[in-house]
Amino acid sequence: MPDKGVKVIAQNRRARHDYFILETWEAGIELKGTEVKSIRLGKCNLKDCYAAVKNGEMFVYGMHISPYEKGSYFNTDPLRPKRLLMHKAEIRKGQQSVMQQGLALIPLSVYLKDGRMKLELALCKGKKLFDKRDDMARRDAQRDIERSMRDRN
């Protein structure tokens, strides 16, 4: 994802801990003017948000964008559903996977790419507790190996 002209604004680190990431898409976000200014200041939170298809359009729910301080009455509801701009085939594929296989559509990050707000959306499968423990054990073992190699050199 880190291409030329990309500035990461917010990440959902919890998603990588709680889910297996099967596939990712890049989507544009339909925002109001003060929301764009607020996101550029880093006032965006992806905790507990998800995406769903409604009437053939993809929406992200629970994404909190704090009101812009200098926005007065132009500010919108911080938790309003935001429409995602994706190709129809991608929307259909995501909807079918959620309906048939019981997967979830979880936003991973919001970033600025060449002046436009983008959202990285992932098709995810939930992890069980033992999967999370295996990941932590694997990470700890890798850290120990790297530490011993560094000390040996």
C-alpha atoms as a PDB file:
ATOM      1  CA  MET A   1       0.000   0.000   0.000  1.00  0.00           C
ATOM      2  CA  PRO A   2       2.710   2.644   0.729  1.00  0.00           C
ATOM      3  CA  ASP A   3       2.979   4.088  -2.794  1.00  0.00           C
ATOM      4  CA  LYS A   4       4.196   7.473  -3.970  1.00  0.00           C
ATOM      5  CA  GLY A   5       2.072  10.309  -2.594  1.00  0.00           C
ATOM      6  CA  VAL A   6       0.447   8.232   0.170  1.00  0.00           C
ATOM      7  CA  LYS A   7      -0.018   9.570   3.710  1.00  0.00           C
ATOM      8  CA  VAL A   8      -1.662   7.216   6.218  1.00  0.00           C
ATOM      9  CA  ILE A   9      -4.163   9.059   8.420  1.00  0.00           C
ATOM     10  CA  ALA A  10      -5.643   6.288  10.589  1.00  0.00           C
ATOM     11  CA  GLN A  11      -5.217   2.515  10.939  1.00  0.00           C
ATOM     12  CA  ASN A  12      -7.321  -0.229  12.461  1.00  0.00           C
ATOM     13  CA  ARG A  13      -4.581  -2.278  14.121  1.00  0.00           C
ATOM     14  CA  ARG A  14      -7.102  -4.311  16.077  1.00  0.00           C
ATOM     15  CA  ALA A  15      -8.487  -5.763  12.836  1.00  0.00           C
ATOM     16  CA  ARG A  16      -5.215  -7.530  12.030  1.00  0.00           C
ATOM     17  CA  HIS A  17      -5.273  -9.061  15.522  1.00  0.00           C
ATOM     18  CA  ASP A  18      -8.917 -10.163  15.462  1.00  0.00           C
ATOM     19  CA  TYR A  19      -9.299 -11.298  11.834  1.00  0.00           C
ATOM     20  CA  PHE A  20      -7.600 -13.244   9.057  1.00  0.00           C
ATOM     21  CA  ILE A  21      -7.288 -10.865   6.094  1.00  0.00           C
ATOM     22  CA  LEU A  22      -8.361 -12.733   2.940  1.00  0.00           C
ATOM     23  CA  GLU A  23      -8.545  -9.941   0.360  1.00  0.00           C
ATOM     24  CA  THR A  24      -8.196  -6.155   0.302  1.00  0.00           C
ATOM     25  CA  TRP A  25      -9.667  -3.406  -1.869  1.00  0.00           C
ATOM     26  CA  GLU A  26      -9.058   0.301  -2.188  1.00  0.00           C
ATOM     27  CA  ALA A  27     -12.185   2.452  -2.084  1.00  0.00           C
ATOM     28  CA  GLY A  28     -12.855   6.146  -2.258  1.00  0.00           C
ATOM     29  CA  ILE A  29     -14.980   7.758   0.475  1.00  0.00           C
ATOM     30  CA  GLU A  30     -17.829  10.176  -0.141  1.00  0.00           C
ATOM     31  CA  LEU A  31     -17.269  12.956   2.419  1.00  0.00           C
ATOM     32  CA  LYS A  32     -18.572  16.434   3.189  1.00  0.00           C
ATOM     33  CA  GLY A  33     -16.160  19.410   3.190  1.00  0.00           C
ATOM     34  CA  THR A  34     -15.626  19.719   6.938  1.00  0.00           C
ATOM     35  CA  GLU A  35     -15.103  15.945   7.231  1.00  0.00           C
ATOM     36  CA  VAL A  36     -12.217  16.150   4.773  1.00  0.00           C
ATOM     37  CA  LYS A  37     -10.606  18.946   6.794  1.00  0.00           C
ATOM     38  CA  SER A  38     -11.051  16.985  10.012  1.00  0.00           C
ATOM     39  CA  ILE A  39      -9.519  13.813   8.528  1.00  0.00           C
ATOM     40  CA  ARG A  40      -6.558  15.800   7.196  1.00  0.00           C
ATOM     41  CA  LEU A  41      -5.940  16.853  10.818  1.00  0.00           C
ATOM     42  CA  GLY A  42      -5.965  13.165  11.835  1.00  0.00           C
ATOM     43  CA  LYS A  43      -9.294  13.269  13.704  1.00  0.00           C
ATOM     44  CA  CYS A  44     -10.529   9.899  12.426  1.00  0.00           C
ATOM     45  CA  ASN A  45     -11.174   6.678  14.360  1.00  0.00           C
ATOM     46  CA  LEU A  46     -11.705   3.264  12.735  1.00  0.00           C
ATOM     47  CA  LYS A  47     -12.331   1.345  15.952  1.00  0.00           C
ATOM     48  CA  ASP A  48     -15.455  -0.875  15.806  1.00  0.00           C
ATOM     49  CA  CYS A  49     -16.356   0.080  12.244  1.00  0.00           C
ATOM     50  CA  TYR A  50     -17.492  -2.223   9.460  1.00  0.00           C
ATOM     51  CA  ALA A  51     -18.800  -2.037   5.910  1.00  0.00           C
ATOM     52  CA  ALA A  52     -22.055  -3.386   4.500  1.00  0.00           C
ATOM     53  CA  VAL A  53     -23.958  -3.329   1.235  1.00  0.00           C
ATOM     54  CA  LYS A  54     -27.304  -1.543   1.145  1.00  0.00           C
ATOM     55  CA  ASN A  55     -29.328  -1.143  -2.076  1.00  0.00           C
ATOM     56  CA  GLY A  56     -26.343  -2.069  -4.241  1.00  0.00           C
ATOM     57  CA  GLU A  57     -24.058   0.517  -2.602  1.00  0.00           C
ATOM     58  CA  MET A  58     -21.288  -0.066  -0.067  1.00  0.00           C
ATOM     59  CA  PHE A  59     -21.414   1.945   3.166  1.00  0.00           C
ATOM     60  CA  VAL A  60     -19.039   2.104   6.124  1.00  0.00           C
ATOM     61  CA  TYR A  61     -20.719   2.251   9.549  1.00  0.00           C
ATOM     62  CA  GLY A  62     -19.209   3.303  12.873  1.00  0.00           C
ATOM     63  CA  MET A  63     -16.333   5.311  11.406  1.00  0.00           C
ATOM     64  CA  HIS A  64     -15.977   8.300  13.726  1.00  0.00           C
ATOM     65  CA  ILE A  65     -14.822  11.592  12.199  1.00  0.00           C
ATOM     66  CA  SER A  66     -14.600  14.298  14.854  1.00  0.00           C
ATOM     67  CA  PRO A  67     -16.338  17.597  14.004  1.00  0.00           C
ATOM     68  CA  TYR A  68     -14.075  20.265  12.536  1.00  0.00           C
ATOM     69  CA  GLU A  69     -13.457  22.973  15.168  1.00  0.00           C
ATOM     70  CA  LYS A  70     -13.921  25.877  12.755  1.00  0.00           C
ATOM     71  CA  GLY A  71     -16.821  24.284  10.904  1.00  0.00           C
ATOM     72  CA  SER A  72     -19.795  25.884  12.760  1.00  0.00           C
ATOM     73  CA  TYR A  73     -23.115  24.632  11.359  1.00  0.00           C
ATOM     74  CA  PHE A  74     -21.475  22.927   8.357  1.00  0.00           C
ATOM     75  CA  ASN A  75     -20.383  20.015  10.577  1.00  0.00           C
ATOM     76  CA  THR A  76     -22.176  16.703  10.089  1.00  0.00           C
ATOM     77  CA  ASP A  77     -22.951  13.799  12.411  1.00  0.00           C
ATOM     78  CA  PRO A  78     -19.594  12.187  13.357  1.00  0.00           C
ATOM     79  CA  LEU A  79     -20.971   8.629  13.028  1.00  0.00           C
ATOM     80  CA  ARG A  80     -23.095   9.027   9.888  1.00  0.00           C
ATOM     81  CA  PRO A  81     -22.781   6.170   7.345  1.00  0.00           C
ATOM     82  CA  LYS A  82     -20.307   7.098   4.619  1.00  0.00           C
ATOM     83  CA  ARG A  83     -20.702   5.772   1.083  1.00  0.00           C
ATOM     84  CA  LEU A  84     -17.714   3.980  -0.418  1.00  0.00           C
ATOM     85  CA  LEU A  85     -16.858   4.484  -4.067  1.00  0.00           C
ATOM     86  CA  MET A  86     -16.113   1.070  -5.558  1.00  0.00           C
ATOM     87  CA  HIS A  87     -16.687  -0.799  -8.801  1.00  0.00           C
ATOM     88  CA  LYS A  88     -19.969  -2.692  -9.007  1.00  0.00           C
ATOM     89  CA  ALA A  89     -18.171  -6.037  -9.450  1.00  0.00           C
ATOM     90  CA  GLU A  90     -16.143  -5.467  -6.245  1.00  0.00           C
ATOM     91  CA  ILE A  91     -19.315  -4.589  -4.331  1.00  0.00           C
ATOM     92  CA  ARG A  92     -21.069  -7.716  -5.619  1.00  0.00           C
ATOM     93  CA  LYS A  93     -18.102  -9.938  -4.739  1.00  0.00           C
ATOM     94  CA  GLY A  94     -17.927  -8.514  -1.201  1.00  0.00           C
ATOM     95  CA  GLN A  95     -21.670  -8.896  -0.688  1.00  0.00           C
ATOM     96  CA  GLN A  96     -21.678 -12.518  -1.895  1.00  0.00           C
ATOM     97  CA  SER A  97     -18.752 -13.430   0.370  1.00  0.00           C
ATOM     98  CA  VAL A  98     -20.460 -11.889   3.388  1.00  0.00           C
ATOM     99  CA  MET A  99     -23.796 -13.568   2.645  1.00  0.00           C
ATOM    100  CA  GLN A 100     -22.542 -17.071   1.718  1.00  0.00           C
ATOM    101  CA  GLN A 101     -19.383 -17.608   3.750  1.00  0.00           C
ATOM    102  CA  GLY A 102     -20.146 -15.505   6.819  1.00  0.00           C
ATOM    103  CA  LEU A 103     -17.154 -13.191   6.344  1.00  0.00           C
ATOM    104  CA  ALA A 104     -16.902  -9.533   7.380  1.00  0.00           C
ATOM    105  CA  LEU A 105     -15.916  -6.358   5.545  1.00  0.00           C
ATOM    106  CA  ILE A 106     -13.590  -4.403   7.831  1.00  0.00           C
ATOM    107  CA  PRO A 107     -11.832  -1.080   7.064  1.00  0.00           C
ATOM    108  CA  LEU A 108      -8.080  -1.370   7.730  1.00  0.00           C
ATOM    109  CA  SER A 109      -6.845   2.163   7.106  1.00  0.00           C
ATOM    110  CA  VAL A 110      -7.727   5.627   5.834  1.00  0.00           C
ATOM    111  CA  TYR A 111      -5.083   7.405   3.817  1.00  0.00           C
ATOM    112  CA  LEU A 112      -4.522  10.313   1.490  1.00  0.00           C
ATOM    113  CA  LYS A 113      -3.413   9.248  -1.992  1.00  0.00           C
ATOM    114  CA  ASP A 114      -2.523  12.005  -4.446  1.00  0.00           C
ATOM    115  CA  GLY A 115      -4.895  14.420  -2.684  1.00  0.00           C
ATOM    116  CA  ARG A 116      -7.844  12.011  -2.441  1.00  0.00           C
ATOM    117  CA  MET A 117      -9.169  10.202   0.651  1.00  0.00           C
ATOM    118  CA  LYS A 118      -9.000   6.433   0.273  1.00  0.00           C
ATOM    119  CA  LEU A 119     -10.029   3.584   2.539  1.00  0.00           C
ATOM    120  CA  GLU A 120      -8.422   0.141   2.533  1.00  0.00           C
ATOM    121  CA  LEU A 121     -11.238  -2.380   2.931  1.00  0.00           C
ATOM    122  CA  ALA A 122     -10.585  -6.036   3.757  1.00  0.00           C
ATOM    123  CA  LEU A 123     -12.606  -9.197   3.465  1.00  0.00           C
ATOM    124  CA  CYS A 124     -11.979 -10.871   6.830  1.00  0.00           C
ATOM    125  CA  LYS A 125     -12.640 -14.102   8.672  1.00  0.00           C
ATOM    126  CA  GLY A 126     -12.767 -13.991  12.476  1.00  0.00           C
ATOM    127  CA  LYS A 127      -9.973 -15.580  14.499  1.00  0.00           C
ATOM    128  CA  LYS A 128     -10.586 -17.916  17.391  1.00  0.00           C
ATOM    129  CA  LEU A 129      -8.720 -17.477  20.678  1.00  0.00           C
ATOM    130  CA  PHE A 130      -6.238 -20.272  19.900  1.00  0.00           C
ATOM    131  CA  ASP A 131      -5.412 -18.626  16.536  1.00  0.00           C
ATOM    132  CA  LYS A 132      -4.556 -15.385  18.338  1.00  0.00           C
ATOM    133  CA  ARG A 133      -2.359 -17.294  20.794  1.00  0.00           C
ATOM    134  CA  ASP A 134      -0.559 -19.058  17.930  1.00  0.00           C
ATOM    135  CA  ASP A 135       0.132 -15.703  16.266  1.00  0.00           C
ATOM    136  CA  MET A 136       1.497 -14.229  19.507  1.00  0.00           C
ATOM    137  CA  ALA A 137       3.717 -17.299  20.107  1.00  0.00           C
ATOM    138  CA  ARG A 138       5.022 -17.144  16.532  1.00  0.00           C
ATOM    139  CA  ARG A 139       5.767 -13.423  16.886  1.00  0.00           C
ATOM    140  CA  ASP A 140       7.571 -13.952  20.210  1.00  0.00           C
ATOM    141  CA  ALA A 141       9.654 -16.801  18.767  1.00  0.00           C
ATOM    142  CA  GLN A 142      10.642 -14.676  15.774  1.00  0.00           C
ATOM    143  CA  ARG A 143      11.600 -11.807  18.088  1.00  0.00           C
ATOM    144  CA  ASP A 144      13.777 -14.168  20.182  1.00  0.00           C
ATOM    145  CA  ILE A 145      15.507 -15.501  17.054  1.00  0.00           C
ATOM    146  CA  GLU A 146      16.251 -11.990  15.812  1.00  0.00           C
ATOM    147  CA  ARG A 147      17.536 -10.955  19.245  1.00  0.00           C
ATOM    148  CA  SER A 148      19.886 -13.965  19.506  1.00  0.00           C
ATOM    149  CA  MET A 149      21.168 -13.393  15.947  1.00  0.00           C
ATOM    150  CA  ARG A 150      21.835  -9.739  16.734  1.00  0.00           C
ATOM    151  CA  ASP A 151      23.645 -10.627  19.983  1.00  0.00           C
ATOM    152  CA  ARG A 152      25.722 -13.275  18.208  1.00  0.00           C
ATOM    153  CA  ASN A 153      26.948 -10.742  15.635  1.00  0.00           C
END
